PDB file of N, CA and C in Angstrom:
ATOM      1  N   UNK A   1       0.828  -1.245  -0.055  1.00  0.00           N
ATOM      2  CA  UNK A   1       0.085  -0.062  -0.013  1.00  0.00           C
ATOM      3  C   UNK A   1       0.818   1.254  -0.022  1.00  0.00           C
ATOM      4  N   UNK A   2       0.249   2.274  -0.700  1.00  0.00           N
ATOM      5  CA  UNK A   2       1.027   3.658  -0.770  1.00  0.00           C
ATOM      6  C   UNK A   2       0.375   4.648   0.088  1.00  0.00           C
ATOM      7  N   UNK A   3       0.917   5.241   0.960  1.00  0.00           N
ATOM      8  CA  UNK A   3       0.510   6.218   1.983  1.00  0.00           C
ATOM      9  C   UNK A   3      -0.038   7.287   1.002  1.00  0.00           C
ATOM     10  N   UNK A   4      -1.251   7.733   1.373  1.00  0.00           N
ATOM     11  CA  UNK A   4      -1.765   9.050   0.297  1.00  0.00           C
ATOM     12  C   UNK A   4      -1.691  10.095   1.493  1.00  0.00           C
ATOM     13  N   UNK A   5      -2.390  10.071   2.537  1.00  0.00           N
ATOM     14  CA  UNK A   5      -2.412  11.099   3.660  1.00  0.00           C
ATOM     15  C   UNK A   5      -2.734  10.497   5.013  1.00  0.00           C
ATOM     16  N   UNK A   6      -2.095  11.242   6.030  1.00  0.00           N
ATOM     17  CA  UNK A   6      -1.997  10.668   7.303  1.00  0.00           C
ATOM     18  C   UNK A   6      -1.857  12.132   8.149  1.00  0.00           C
ATOM     19  N   UNK A   7      -1.872  11.980   9.441  1.00  0.00           N
ATOM     20  CA  UNK A   7      -1.768  13.127  10.388  1.00  0.00           C
ATOM     21  C   UNK A   7      -0.448  13.182  10.818  1.00  0.00           C
ATOM     22  N   UNK A   8       0.148  14.394  11.170  1.00  0.00           N
ATOM     23  CA  UNK A   8       1.447  14.496  11.567  1.00  0.00           C
ATOM     24  C   UNK A   8       1.624  14.210  12.895  1.00  0.00           C
ATOM     25  N   UNK A   9       0.538  14.231  13.682  1.00  0.00           N
ATOM     26  CA  UNK A   9       0.807  13.803  15.270  1.00  0.00           C
ATOM     27  C   UNK A   9       0.629  12.151  15.420  1.00  0.00           C
ATOM     28  N   UNK A  10       0.626  11.528  14.403  1.00  0.00           N
ATOM     29  CA  UNK A  10       0.198  10.259  14.416  1.00  0.00           C
ATOM     30  C   UNK A  10       1.434   9.288  15.341  1.00  0.00           C
ATOM     31  N   UNK A  11       1.206   8.522  16.301  1.00  0.00           N
ATOM     32  CA  UNK A  11       2.191   7.650  16.710  1.00  0.00           C
ATOM     33  C   UNK A  11       1.643   6.417  16.913  1.00  0.00           C
ATOM     34  N   UNK A  12       2.390   5.224  16.657  1.00  0.00           N
ATOM     35  CA  UNK A  12       1.772   4.036  16.786  1.00  0.00           C
ATOM     36  C   UNK A  12       0.806   3.566  15.771  1.00  0.00           C
ATOM     37  N   UNK A  13       0.681   4.369  14.748  1.00  0.00           N
ATOM     38  CA  UNK A  13      -0.421   3.901  13.673  1.00  0.00           C
ATOM     39  C   UNK A  13      -1.823   4.256  14.172  1.00  0.00           C
ATOM     40  N   UNK A  14      -1.995   4.731  15.193  1.00  0.00           N
ATOM     41  CA  UNK A  14      -3.338   5.081  15.611  1.00  0.00           C
ATOM     42  C   UNK A  14      -3.944   6.434  15.273  1.00  0.00           C
ATOM     43  N   UNK A  15      -4.024   6.566  13.933  1.00  0.00           N
ATOM     44  CA  UNK A  15      -4.435   7.892  13.365  1.00  0.00           C
ATOM     45  C   UNK A  15      -5.315   7.578  11.950  1.00  0.00           C
ATOM     46  N   UNK A  16      -6.190   8.577  11.860  1.00  0.00           N
ATOM     47  CA  UNK A  16      -7.028   8.560  10.362  1.00  0.00           C
ATOM     48  C   UNK A  16      -5.816   8.429   9.315  1.00  0.00           C
ATOM     49  N   UNK A  17      -5.882   7.723   8.446  1.00  0.00           N
ATOM     50  CA  UNK A  17      -5.031   7.760   7.251  1.00  0.00           C
ATOM     51  C   UNK A  17      -5.583   6.993   6.037  1.00  0.00           C
ATOM     52  N   UNK A  18      -4.988   7.478   4.961  1.00  0.00           N
ATOM     53  CA  UNK A  18      -5.585   7.016   3.707  1.00  0.00           C
ATOM     54  C   UNK A  18      -4.417   6.255   2.728  1.00  0.00           C
ATOM     55  N   UNK A  19      -4.748   5.261   2.216  1.00  0.00           N
ATOM     56  CA  UNK A  19      -3.848   4.356   1.427  1.00  0.00           C
ATOM     57  C   UNK A  19      -4.179   4.009   0.219  1.00  0.00           C
ATOM     58  N   UNK A  20      -3.428   4.028  -0.747  1.00  0.00           N
ATOM     59  CA  UNK A  20      -3.703   3.217  -2.071  1.00  0.00           C
ATOM     60  C   UNK A  20      -3.182   2.113  -2.276  1.00  0.00           C
ATOM     61  N   UNK A  21      -4.196   1.185  -2.618  1.00  0.00           N
ATOM     62  CA  UNK A  21      -3.741  -0.186  -2.685  1.00  0.00           C
ATOM     63  C   UNK A  21      -3.095  -0.697  -4.048  1.00  0.00           C
ATOM     64  N   UNK A  22      -2.547  -1.798  -4.165  1.00  0.00           N
ATOM     65  CA  UNK A  22      -2.011  -2.370  -5.419  1.00  0.00           C
ATOM     66  C   UNK A  22      -3.430  -2.648  -6.254  1.00  0.00           C
ATOM     67  N   UNK A  23      -4.487  -2.708  -6.105  1.00  0.00           N
ATOM     68  CA  UNK A  23      -5.591  -3.087  -6.949  1.00  0.00           C
ATOM     69  C   UNK A  23      -6.099  -1.601  -7.144  1.00  0.00           C
ATOM     70  N   UNK A  24      -5.621  -0.600  -6.856  1.00  0.00           N
ATOM     71  CA  UNK A  24      -6.467   0.811  -7.047  1.00  0.00           C
ATOM     72  C   UNK A  24      -7.669   1.197  -6.162  1.00  0.00           C
ATOM     73  N   UNK A  25      -8.005   0.598  -5.014  1.00  0.00           N
ATOM     74  CA  UNK A  25      -8.536   1.084  -4.372  1.00  0.00           C
ATOM     75  C   UNK A  25      -8.014   1.967  -3.086  1.00  0.00           C
ATOM     76  N   UNK A  26      -8.957   2.496  -2.130  1.00  0.00           N
ATOM     77  CA  UNK A  26      -8.494   3.495  -1.256  1.00  0.00           C
ATOM     78  C   UNK A  26      -8.824   2.930  -0.040  1.00  0.00           C
ATOM     79  N   UNK A  27      -7.938   2.581   1.095  1.00  0.00           N
ATOM     80  CA  UNK A  27      -8.182   2.277   2.177  1.00  0.00           C
ATOM     81  C   UNK A  27      -8.299   3.345   3.216  1.00  0.00           C
ATOM     82  N   UNK A  28      -9.314   3.561   3.965  1.00  0.00           N
ATOM     83  CA  UNK A  28      -9.333   4.809   4.894  1.00  0.00           C
ATOM     84  C   UNK A  28      -9.432   4.081   6.252  1.00  0.00           C
ATOM     85  N   UNK A  29      -8.473   4.682   7.159  1.00  0.00           N
ATOM     86  CA  UNK A  29      -8.662   4.243   8.511  1.00  0.00           C
ATOM     87  C   UNK A  29      -9.213   5.473   9.397  1.00  0.00           C
ATOM     88  N   UNK A  30     -10.289   5.209  10.220  1.00  0.00           N
ATOM     89  CA  UNK A  30     -10.926   6.260  10.799  1.00  0.00           C
ATOM     90  C   UNK A  30     -11.351   5.858  12.238  1.00  0.00           C
ATOM     91  N   UNK A  31     -12.120   6.886  12.831  1.00  0.00           N
ATOM     92  CA  UNK A  31     -12.760   6.455  14.058  1.00  0.00           C
ATOM     93  C   UNK A  31     -13.976   5.880  13.813  1.00  0.00           C
ATOM     94  N   UNK A  32     -14.294   5.048  14.764  1.00  0.00           N
ATOM     95  CA  UNK A  32     -15.672   4.135  14.597  1.00  0.00           C
ATOM     96  C   UNK A  32     -16.658   5.328  15.079  1.00  0.00           C
ATOM     97  N   UNK A  33     -17.472   5.142  14.024  1.00  0.00           N
ATOM     98  CA  UNK A  33     -18.803   6.137  14.297  1.00  0.00           C
ATOM     99  C   UNK A  33     -19.974   5.446  14.596  1.00  0.00           C
ATOM    100  N   UNK A  34     -20.079   4.028  13.893  1.00  0.00           N
ATOM    101  CA  UNK A  34     -21.118   3.237  14.079  1.00  0.00           C
ATOM    102  C   UNK A  34     -20.782   1.829  13.635  1.00  0.00           C
ATOM    103  N   UNK A  35     -21.638   0.975  13.624  1.00  0.00           N
ATOM    104  CA  UNK A  35     -21.402  -0.467  13.320  1.00  0.00           C
ATOM    105  C   UNK A  35     -21.022  -0.428  11.786  1.00  0.00           C
ATOM    106  N   UNK A  36     -21.337   0.330  11.195  1.00  0.00           N
ATOM    107  CA  UNK A  36     -21.054   0.370   9.575  1.00  0.00           C
ATOM    108  C   UNK A  36     -20.010   1.448   9.230  1.00  0.00           C
ATOM    109  N   UNK A  37     -19.842   2.357   9.954  1.00  0.00           N
ATOM    110  CA  UNK A  37     -19.262   3.635   9.633  1.00  0.00           C
ATOM    111  C   UNK A  37     -18.057   4.134  10.408  1.00  0.00           C
ATOM    112  N   UNK A  38     -17.065   4.894   9.794  1.00  0.00           N
ATOM    113  CA  UNK A  38     -15.934   5.206  10.346  1.00  0.00           C
ATOM    114  C   UNK A  38     -16.148   6.787   9.942  1.00  0.00           C
ATOM    115  N   UNK A  39     -15.375   7.782  10.795  1.00  0.00           N
ATOM    116  CA  UNK A  39     -15.343   9.262  10.524  1.00  0.00           C
ATOM    117  C   UNK A  39     -13.713   9.447  10.449  1.00  0.00           C
ATOM    118  N   UNK A  40     -13.657  10.360   9.468  1.00  0.00           N
ATOM    119  CA  UNK A  40     -12.132  10.520   8.785  1.00  0.00           C
ATOM    120  C   UNK A  40     -12.180  12.188   8.898  1.00  0.00           C
ATOM    121  N   UNK A  41     -11.043  12.948   9.295  1.00  0.00           N
ATOM    122  CA  UNK A  41     -11.130  14.394   9.442  1.00  0.00           C
ATOM    123  C   UNK A  41     -11.157  14.794   7.760  1.00  0.00           C
ATOM    124  N   UNK A  42     -11.861  15.779   7.515  1.00  0.00           N
ATOM    125  CA  UNK A  42     -12.007  15.990   6.047  1.00  0.00           C
ATOM    126  C   UNK A  42     -10.693  16.608   5.514  1.00  0.00           C
ATOM    127  N   UNK A  43      -9.641  16.731   6.131  1.00  0.00           N
ATOM    128  CA  UNK A  43      -8.553  17.231   5.661  1.00  0.00           C
ATOM    129  C   UNK A  43      -7.583  16.000   5.118  1.00  0.00           C
ATOM    130  N   UNK A  44      -7.830  14.844   5.829  1.00  0.00           N
ATOM    131  CA  UNK A  44      -7.294  13.606   5.436  1.00  0.00           C
ATOM    132  C   UNK A  44      -7.875  12.982   4.062  1.00  0.00           C
ATOM    133  N   UNK A  45      -8.974  13.200   3.961  1.00  0.00           N
ATOM    134  CA  UNK A  45      -9.662  12.668   2.732  1.00  0.00           C
ATOM    135  C   UNK A  45      -9.429  13.857   1.475  1.00  0.00           C
ATOM    136  N   UNK A  46      -9.417  15.108   1.840  1.00  0.00           N
ATOM    137  CA  UNK A  46      -8.904  16.183   0.804  1.00  0.00           C
ATOM    138  C   UNK A  46      -7.502  15.954   0.388  1.00  0.00           C
ATOM    139  N   UNK A  47      -6.721  15.584   1.158  1.00  0.00           N
ATOM    140  CA  UNK A  47      -5.226  15.353   0.815  1.00  0.00           C
ATOM    141  C   UNK A  47      -4.894  14.050  -0.056  1.00  0.00           C
ATOM    142  N   UNK A  48      -5.744  13.282   0.372  1.00  0.00           N
ATOM    143  CA  UNK A  48      -5.696  11.846  -0.296  1.00  0.00           C
ATOM    144  C   UNK A  48      -6.315  11.927  -1.843  1.00  0.00           C
ATOM    145  N   UNK A  49      -7.444  12.844  -2.005  1.00  0.00           N
ATOM    146  CA  UNK A  49      -7.857  13.124  -3.330  1.00  0.00           C
ATOM    147  C   UNK A  49      -6.888  13.886  -3.989  1.00  0.00           C
ATOM    148  N   UNK A  50      -6.197  14.907  -3.537  1.00  0.00           N
ATOM    149  CA  UNK A  50      -4.871  15.731  -4.236  1.00  0.00           C
ATOM    150  C   UNK A  50      -3.944  14.588  -4.499  1.00  0.00           C
ATOM    151  N   UNK A  51      -3.655  13.990  -3.742  1.00  0.00           N
ATOM    152  CA  UNK A  51      -2.533  12.701  -3.963  1.00  0.00           C
ATOM    153  C   UNK A  51      -3.103  11.842  -5.284  1.00  0.00           C
ATOM    154  N   UNK A  52      -4.234  11.370  -5.445  1.00  0.00           N
ATOM    155  CA  UNK A  52      -4.776  10.643  -6.403  1.00  0.00           C
ATOM    156  C   UNK A  52      -4.581  11.451  -7.538  1.00  0.00           C
ATOM    157  N   UNK A  53      -5.071  12.848  -7.518  1.00  0.00           N
ATOM    158  CA  UNK A  53      -4.940  13.398  -8.853  1.00  0.00           C
ATOM    159  C   UNK A  53      -3.698  13.502  -9.326  1.00  0.00           C
ATOM    160  N   UNK A  54      -2.659  13.689  -8.488  1.00  0.00           N
ATOM    161  CA  UNK A  54      -1.099  13.917  -8.957  1.00  0.00           C
ATOM    162  C   UNK A  54      -0.770  12.588  -9.277  1.00  0.00           C
ATOM    163  N   UNK A  55      -1.359  11.369  -9.020  1.00  0.00           N
ATOM    164  CA  UNK A  55      -1.072  10.093  -9.679  1.00  0.00           C
ATOM    165  C   UNK A  55      -1.829  10.029 -11.194  1.00  0.00           C
ATOM    166  N   UNK A  56      -2.427  10.976 -11.517  1.00  0.00           N
ATOM    167  CA  UNK A  56      -3.155  11.149 -12.793  1.00  0.00           C
ATOM    168  C   UNK A  56      -4.508  10.644 -12.762  1.00  0.00           C
ATOM    169  N   UNK A  57      -5.136  10.376 -11.630  1.00  0.00           N
ATOM    170  CA  UNK A  57      -6.584  10.078 -11.706  1.00  0.00           C
ATOM    171  C   UNK A  57      -7.419  11.281 -11.281  1.00  0.00           C
ATOM    172  N   UNK A  58      -8.697  11.225 -12.019  1.00  0.00           N
ATOM    173  CA  UNK A  58      -9.638  12.404 -11.737  1.00  0.00           C
ATOM    174  C   UNK A  58     -11.091  11.973 -11.902  1.00  0.00           C
ATOM    175  N   UNK A  59     -12.011  12.923 -11.534  1.00  0.00           N
ATOM    176  CA  UNK A  59     -13.340  12.741 -11.792  1.00  0.00           C
ATOM    177  C   UNK A  59     -13.539  13.002 -13.268  1.00  0.00           C
ATOM    178  N   UNK A  60     -14.483  12.386 -13.768  1.00  0.00           N
ATOM    179  CA  UNK A  60     -14.682  12.154 -15.107  1.00  0.00           C
ATOM    180  C   UNK A  60     -15.368  13.578 -15.445  1.00  0.00           C
ATOM    181  N   UNK A  61     -15.646  13.960 -16.708  1.00  0.00           N
ATOM    182  CA  UNK A  61     -16.092  15.045 -17.324  1.00  0.00           C
ATOM    183  C   UNK A  61     -17.650  15.272 -16.692  1.00  0.00           C
ATOM    184  N   UNK A  62     -18.147  14.083 -16.611  1.00  0.00           N
ATOM    185  CA  UNK A  62     -19.529  14.197 -16.099  1.00  0.00           C
ATOM    186  C   UNK A  62     -19.693  13.379 -14.814  1.00  0.00           C
ATOM    187  N   UNK A  63     -20.024  14.413 -13.532  1.00  0.00           N
ATOM    188  CA  UNK A  63     -19.797  13.988 -12.479  1.00  0.00           C
ATOM    189  C   UNK A  63     -20.536  12.417 -11.897  1.00  0.00           C
ATOM    190  N   UNK A  64     -19.940  11.641 -11.410  1.00  0.00           N
ATOM    191  CA  UNK A  64     -20.456  10.177 -11.147  1.00  0.00           C
ATOM    192  C   UNK A  64     -21.502  10.450 -10.135  1.00  0.00           C
ATOM    193  N   UNK A  65     -22.697   9.590  -9.931  1.00  0.00           N
ATOM    194  CA  UNK A  65     -23.671   9.943  -8.816  1.00  0.00           C
ATOM    195  C   UNK A  65     -22.998   9.974  -7.612  1.00  0.00           C
ATOM    196  N   UNK A  66     -23.853  10.338  -6.627  1.00  0.00           N
ATOM    197  CA  UNK A  66     -23.633  10.562  -5.345  1.00  0.00           C
ATOM    198  C   UNK A  66     -23.018   9.182  -4.701  1.00  0.00           C
ATOM    199  N   UNK A  67     -21.819   9.245  -4.205  1.00  0.00           N
ATOM    200  CA  UNK A  67     -21.454   7.931  -3.306  1.00  0.00           C
ATOM    201  C   UNK A  67     -22.144   7.524  -2.303  1.00  0.00           C
ATOM    202  N   UNK A  68     -22.385   6.364  -2.008  1.00  0.00           N
ATOM    203  CA  UNK A  68     -22.977   5.749  -0.846  1.00  0.00           C
ATOM    204  C   UNK A  68     -22.187   5.330  -0.020  1.00  0.00           C
ATOM    205  N   UNK A  69     -21.018   5.402  -0.192  1.00  0.00           N
ATOM    206  CA  UNK A  69     -19.955   4.838   0.713  1.00  0.00           C
ATOM    207  C   UNK A  69     -19.000   6.124   1.229  1.00  0.00           C
ATOM    208  N   UNK A  70     -19.158   7.088   0.925  1.00  0.00           N
ATOM    209  CA  UNK A  70     -18.448   8.397   1.395  1.00  0.00           C
ATOM    210  C   UNK A  70     -19.213   9.669   1.213  1.00  0.00           C
ATOM    211  N   UNK A  71     -19.244  10.428   2.386  1.00  0.00           N
ATOM    212  CA  UNK A  71     -20.052  11.906   2.238  1.00  0.00           C
ATOM    213  C   UNK A  71     -19.735  12.770   3.374  1.00  0.00           C
ATOM    214  N   UNK A  72     -19.467  14.048   3.031  1.00  0.00           N
ATOM    215  CA  UNK A  72     -19.026  14.948   3.856  1.00  0.00           C
ATOM    216  C   UNK A  72     -20.180  15.235   5.075  1.00  0.00           C
ATOM    217  N   UNK A  73     -19.579  15.592   6.074  1.00  0.00           N
ATOM    218  CA  UNK A  73     -20.349  15.813   7.156  1.00  0.00           C
ATOM    219  C   UNK A  73     -19.559  16.845   8.129  1.00  0.00           C
ATOM    220  N   UNK A  74     -19.774  18.230   7.699  1.00  0.00           N
ATOM    221  CA  UNK A  74     -19.260  19.337   8.467  1.00  0.00           C
ATOM    222  C   UNK A  74     -17.441  19.065   8.168  1.00  0.00           C
ATOM    223  N   UNK A  75     -16.866  18.873   9.198  1.00  0.00           N
ATOM    224  CA  UNK A  75     -15.242  18.790   9.248  1.00  0.00           C
ATOM    225  C   UNK A  75     -14.779  17.258   9.194  1.00  0.00           C
ATOM    226  N   UNK A  76     -15.700  16.428   8.857  1.00  0.00           N
ATOM    227  CA  UNK A  76     -15.505  15.033   8.828  1.00  0.00           C
ATOM    228  C   UNK A  76     -15.917  14.489   7.645  1.00  0.00           C
ATOM    229  N   UNK A  77     -15.620  13.249   6.930  1.00  0.00           N
ATOM    230  CA  UNK A  77     -16.210  12.449   6.098  1.00  0.00           C
ATOM    231  C   UNK A  77     -16.473  11.085   6.619  1.00  0.00           C
ATOM    232  N   UNK A  78     -17.548  10.629   6.336  1.00  0.00           N
ATOM    233  CA  UNK A  78     -18.031   9.519   6.923  1.00  0.00           C
ATOM    234  C   UNK A  78     -18.041   8.682   5.804  1.00  0.00           C
ATOM    235  N   UNK A  79     -17.443   7.457   6.116  1.00  0.00           N
ATOM    236  CA  UNK A  79     -17.014   6.265   5.155  1.00  0.00           C
ATOM    237  C   UNK A  79     -17.498   5.048   5.652  1.00  0.00           C
ATOM    238  N   UNK A  80     -18.400   4.391   4.650  1.00  0.00           N
ATOM    239  CA  UNK A  80     -19.057   2.897   5.116  1.00  0.00           C
ATOM    240  C   UNK A  80     -18.738   2.086   4.071  1.00  0.00           C
ATOM    241  N   UNK A  81     -17.526   2.090   3.475  1.00  0.00           N
ATOM    242  CA  UNK A  81     -17.255   1.169   2.410  1.00  0.00           C
ATOM    243  C   UNK A  81     -17.060  -0.198   3.170  1.00  0.00           C
ATOM    244  N   UNK A  82     -16.354  -1.162   2.540  1.00  0.00           N
ATOM    245  CA  UNK A  82     -16.189  -2.503   2.987  1.00  0.00           C
ATOM    246  C   UNK A  82     -14.969  -2.510   4.036  1.00  0.00           C
ATOM    247  N   UNK A  83     -15.398  -3.114   5.191  1.00  0.00           N
ATOM    248  CA  UNK A  83     -14.330  -3.131   6.297  1.00  0.00           C
ATOM    249  C   UNK A  83     -13.220  -4.088   5.839  1.00  0.00           C
ATOM    250  N   UNK A  84     -12.256  -3.857   6.365  1.00  0.00           N
ATOM    251  CA  UNK A  84     -10.905  -4.428   5.907  1.00  0.00           C
ATOM    252  C   UNK A  84     -10.605  -5.442   7.252  1.00  0.00           C
ATOM    253  N   UNK A  85      -9.534  -6.045   6.950  1.00  0.00           N
ATOM    254  CA  UNK A  85      -8.802  -6.857   8.068  1.00  0.00           C
ATOM    255  C   UNK A  85      -7.788  -6.422   8.731  1.00  0.00           C
ATOM    256  N   UNK A  86      -7.459  -4.984   8.198  1.00  0.00           N
ATOM    257  CA  UNK A  86      -6.447  -4.245   8.635  1.00  0.00           C
ATOM    258  C   UNK A  86      -6.642  -4.080  10.294  1.00  0.00           C
ATOM    259  N   UNK A  87      -5.521  -4.340  10.822  1.00  0.00           N
ATOM    260  CA  UNK A  87      -5.685  -4.423  12.594  1.00  0.00           C
ATOM    261  C   UNK A  87      -5.288  -2.949  12.961  1.00  0.00           C
ATOM    262  N   UNK A  88      -6.328  -2.334  13.422  1.00  0.00           N
ATOM    263  CA  UNK A  88      -6.353  -1.033  14.098  1.00  0.00           C
ATOM    264  C   UNK A  88      -6.481  -0.746  15.536  1.00  0.00           C
ATOM    265  N   UNK A  89      -5.946   0.198  15.954  1.00  0.00           N
ATOM    266  CA  UNK A  89      -6.027   0.573  17.473  1.00  0.00           C
ATOM    267  C   UNK A  89      -7.606   0.580  17.667  1.00  0.00           C
ATOM    268  N   UNK A  90      -7.813   0.061  19.137  1.00  0.00           N
ATOM    269  CA  UNK A  90      -9.068   0.360  19.758  1.00  0.00           C
ATOM    270  C   UNK A  90      -9.870   1.583  19.302  1.00  0.00           C
ATOM    271  N   UNK A  91     -11.252   1.629  18.825  1.00  0.00           N
ATOM    272  CA  UNK A  91     -11.838   2.714  18.256  1.00  0.00           C
ATOM    273  C   UNK A  91     -11.603   3.253  17.077  1.00  0.00           C
ATOM    274  N   UNK A  92     -10.926   2.288  16.309  1.00  0.00           N
ATOM    275  CA  UNK A  92     -10.796   2.685  14.838  1.00  0.00           C
ATOM    276  C   UNK A  92     -11.048   1.372  14.054  1.00  0.00           C
ATOM    277  N   UNK A  93     -11.189   1.847  12.915  1.00  0.00           N
ATOM    278  CA  UNK A  93     -11.497   0.662  11.811  1.00  0.00           C
ATOM    279  C   UNK A  93     -10.783   1.302  10.427  1.00  0.00           C
ATOM    280  N   UNK A  94     -10.651   0.158   9.569  1.00  0.00           N
ATOM    281  CA  UNK A  94     -10.344   0.534   8.101  1.00  0.00           C
ATOM    282  C   UNK A  94     -11.538  -0.067   7.278  1.00  0.00           C
ATOM    283  N   UNK A  95     -11.749   0.922   5.953  1.00  0.00           N
ATOM    284  CA  UNK A  95     -12.784   0.517   5.125  1.00  0.00           C
ATOM    285  C   UNK A  95     -12.138   0.991   3.741  1.00  0.00           C
ATOM    286  N   UNK A  96     -12.252  -0.098   2.833  1.00  0.00           N
ATOM    287  CA  UNK A  96     -12.033   0.008   1.645  1.00  0.00           C
ATOM    288  C   UNK A  96     -13.101   0.788   0.749  1.00  0.00           C
ATOM    289  N   UNK A  97     -12.612   1.753  -0.053  1.00  0.00           N
ATOM    290  CA  UNK A  97     -13.529   2.287  -1.207  1.00  0.00           C
ATOM    291  C   UNK A  97     -12.932   2.649  -2.486  1.00  0.00           C
ATOM    292  N   UNK A  98     -13.768   2.865  -3.257  1.00  0.00           N
ATOM    293  CA  UNK A  98     -13.156   3.105  -4.672  1.00  0.00           C
ATOM    294  C   UNK A  98     -12.690   4.615  -4.844  1.00  0.00           C
ATOM    295  N   UNK A  99     -11.573   4.563  -5.521  1.00  0.00           N
ATOM    296  CA  UNK A  99     -10.771   5.930  -5.812  1.00  0.00           C
ATOM    297  C   UNK A  99     -11.814   6.857  -6.361  1.00  0.00           C
ATOM    298  N   UNK A 100     -12.698   6.440  -7.304  1.00  0.00           N
ATOM    299  CA  UNK A 100     -13.678   7.193  -7.968  1.00  0.00           C
ATOM    300  C   UNK A 100     -14.802   7.983  -6.873  1.00  0.00           C
ATOM    301  N   UNK A 101     -14.969   7.075  -5.752  1.00  0.00           N
ATOM    302  CA  UNK A 101     -15.960   7.580  -4.793  1.00  0.00           C
ATOM    303  C   UNK A 101     -15.112   8.774  -4.051  1.00  0.00           C
ATOM    304  N   UNK A 102     -13.886   8.587  -3.691  1.00  0.00           N
ATOM    305  CA  UNK A 102     -13.223   9.524  -3.019  1.00  0.00           C
ATOM    306  C   UNK A 102     -12.986  10.767  -3.606  1.00  0.00           C
ATOM    307  N   UNK A 103     -12.715  10.643  -4.926  1.00  0.00           N
ATOM    308  CA  UNK A 103     -12.737  11.854  -5.882  1.00  0.00           C
ATOM    309  C   UNK A 103     -13.882  12.493  -6.127  1.00  0.00           C
ATOM    310  N   UNK A 104     -15.025  11.867  -6.210  1.00  0.00           N
ATOM    311  CA  UNK A 104     -16.295  12.440  -6.315  1.00  0.00           C
ATOM    312  C   UNK A 104     -16.872  13.173  -5.126  1.00  0.00           C
ATOM    313  N   UNK A 105     -16.580  12.413  -4.043  1.00  0.00           N
ATOM    314  CA  UNK A 105     -17.110  13.100  -2.768  1.00  0.00           C
ATOM    315  C   UNK A 105     -16.279  14.478  -2.437  1.00  0.00           C
ATOM    316  N   UNK A 106     -14.896  14.361  -2.578  1.00  0.00           N
ATOM    317  CA  UNK A 106     -14.230  15.693  -2.448  1.00  0.00           C
ATOM    318  C   UNK A 106     -14.846  16.682  -3.209  1.00  0.00           C
ATOM    319  N   UNK A 107     -14.863  16.264  -4.621  1.00  0.00           N
ATOM    320  CA  UNK A 107     -15.277  17.344  -5.682  1.00  0.00           C
ATOM    321  C   UNK A 107     -16.826  17.849  -5.168  1.00  0.00           C
ATOM    322  N   UNK A 108     -17.671  16.875  -4.814  1.00  0.00           N
ATOM    323  CA  UNK A 108     -19.152  17.477  -4.251  1.00  0.00           C
ATOM    324  C   UNK A 108     -19.014  18.382  -3.225  1.00  0.00           C
ATOM    325  N   UNK A 109     -18.226  17.974  -2.309  1.00  0.00           N
ATOM    326  CA  UNK A 109     -18.301  18.721  -1.210  1.00  0.00           C
ATOM    327  C   UNK A 109     -17.408  20.063  -1.346  1.00  0.00           C
ATOM    328  N   UNK A 110     -16.640  20.054  -2.232  1.00  0.00           N
ATOM    329  CA  UNK A 110     -16.033  21.499  -2.505  1.00  0.00           C
ATOM    330  C   UNK A 110     -17.215  22.318  -3.166  1.00  0.00           C
ATOM    331  N   UNK A 111     -17.930  21.829  -4.172  1.00  0.00           N
ATOM    332  CA  UNK A 111     -18.867  22.652  -4.827  1.00  0.00           C
ATOM    333  C   UNK A 111     -19.785  22.940  -3.896  1.00  0.00           C
ATOM    334  N   UNK A 112     -20.435  22.280  -3.113  1.00  0.00           N
ATOM    335  CA  UNK A 112     -21.459  22.557  -1.994  1.00  0.00           C
ATOM    336  C   UNK A 112     -21.005  23.696  -0.982  1.00  0.00           C
ATOM    337  N   UNK A 113     -19.542  23.749  -0.712  1.00  0.00           N
ATOM    338  CA  UNK A 113     -19.003  24.600   0.148  1.00  0.00           C
ATOM    339  C   UNK A 113     -19.057  26.125  -0.425  1.00  0.00           C
ATOM    340  N   UNK A 114     -18.842  26.124  -1.766  1.00  0.00           N
ATOM    341  CA  UNK A 114     -18.806  27.450  -2.536  1.00  0.00           C
ATOM    342  C   UNK A 114     -20.201  28.159  -2.651  1.00  0.00           C
TER     343      UNK A 114
END
């Protein structure tokens, strides 16, 4: 996996983080919000999207439909993708989502904020 974004204060791997997998998906580690979701600081997801764009990935000319796996919620993104087997510290979990979902969610959140 390739690190896309993490927090500077992270110690011992217990922080929200985003990675690009070998299969071209994104794994997002965040704080457990419910049985099916994690919360990730908006900054982490936005930096991950910029890194993906630097890798040549972008939202298509026609925006994709709203993703059900990631959505903006104030200063957070709520992620409900496929839970992974990645070992995380207590209170955290990692979910796998599509690159296109990350890019579309950030693009949509940016347009809504303007």
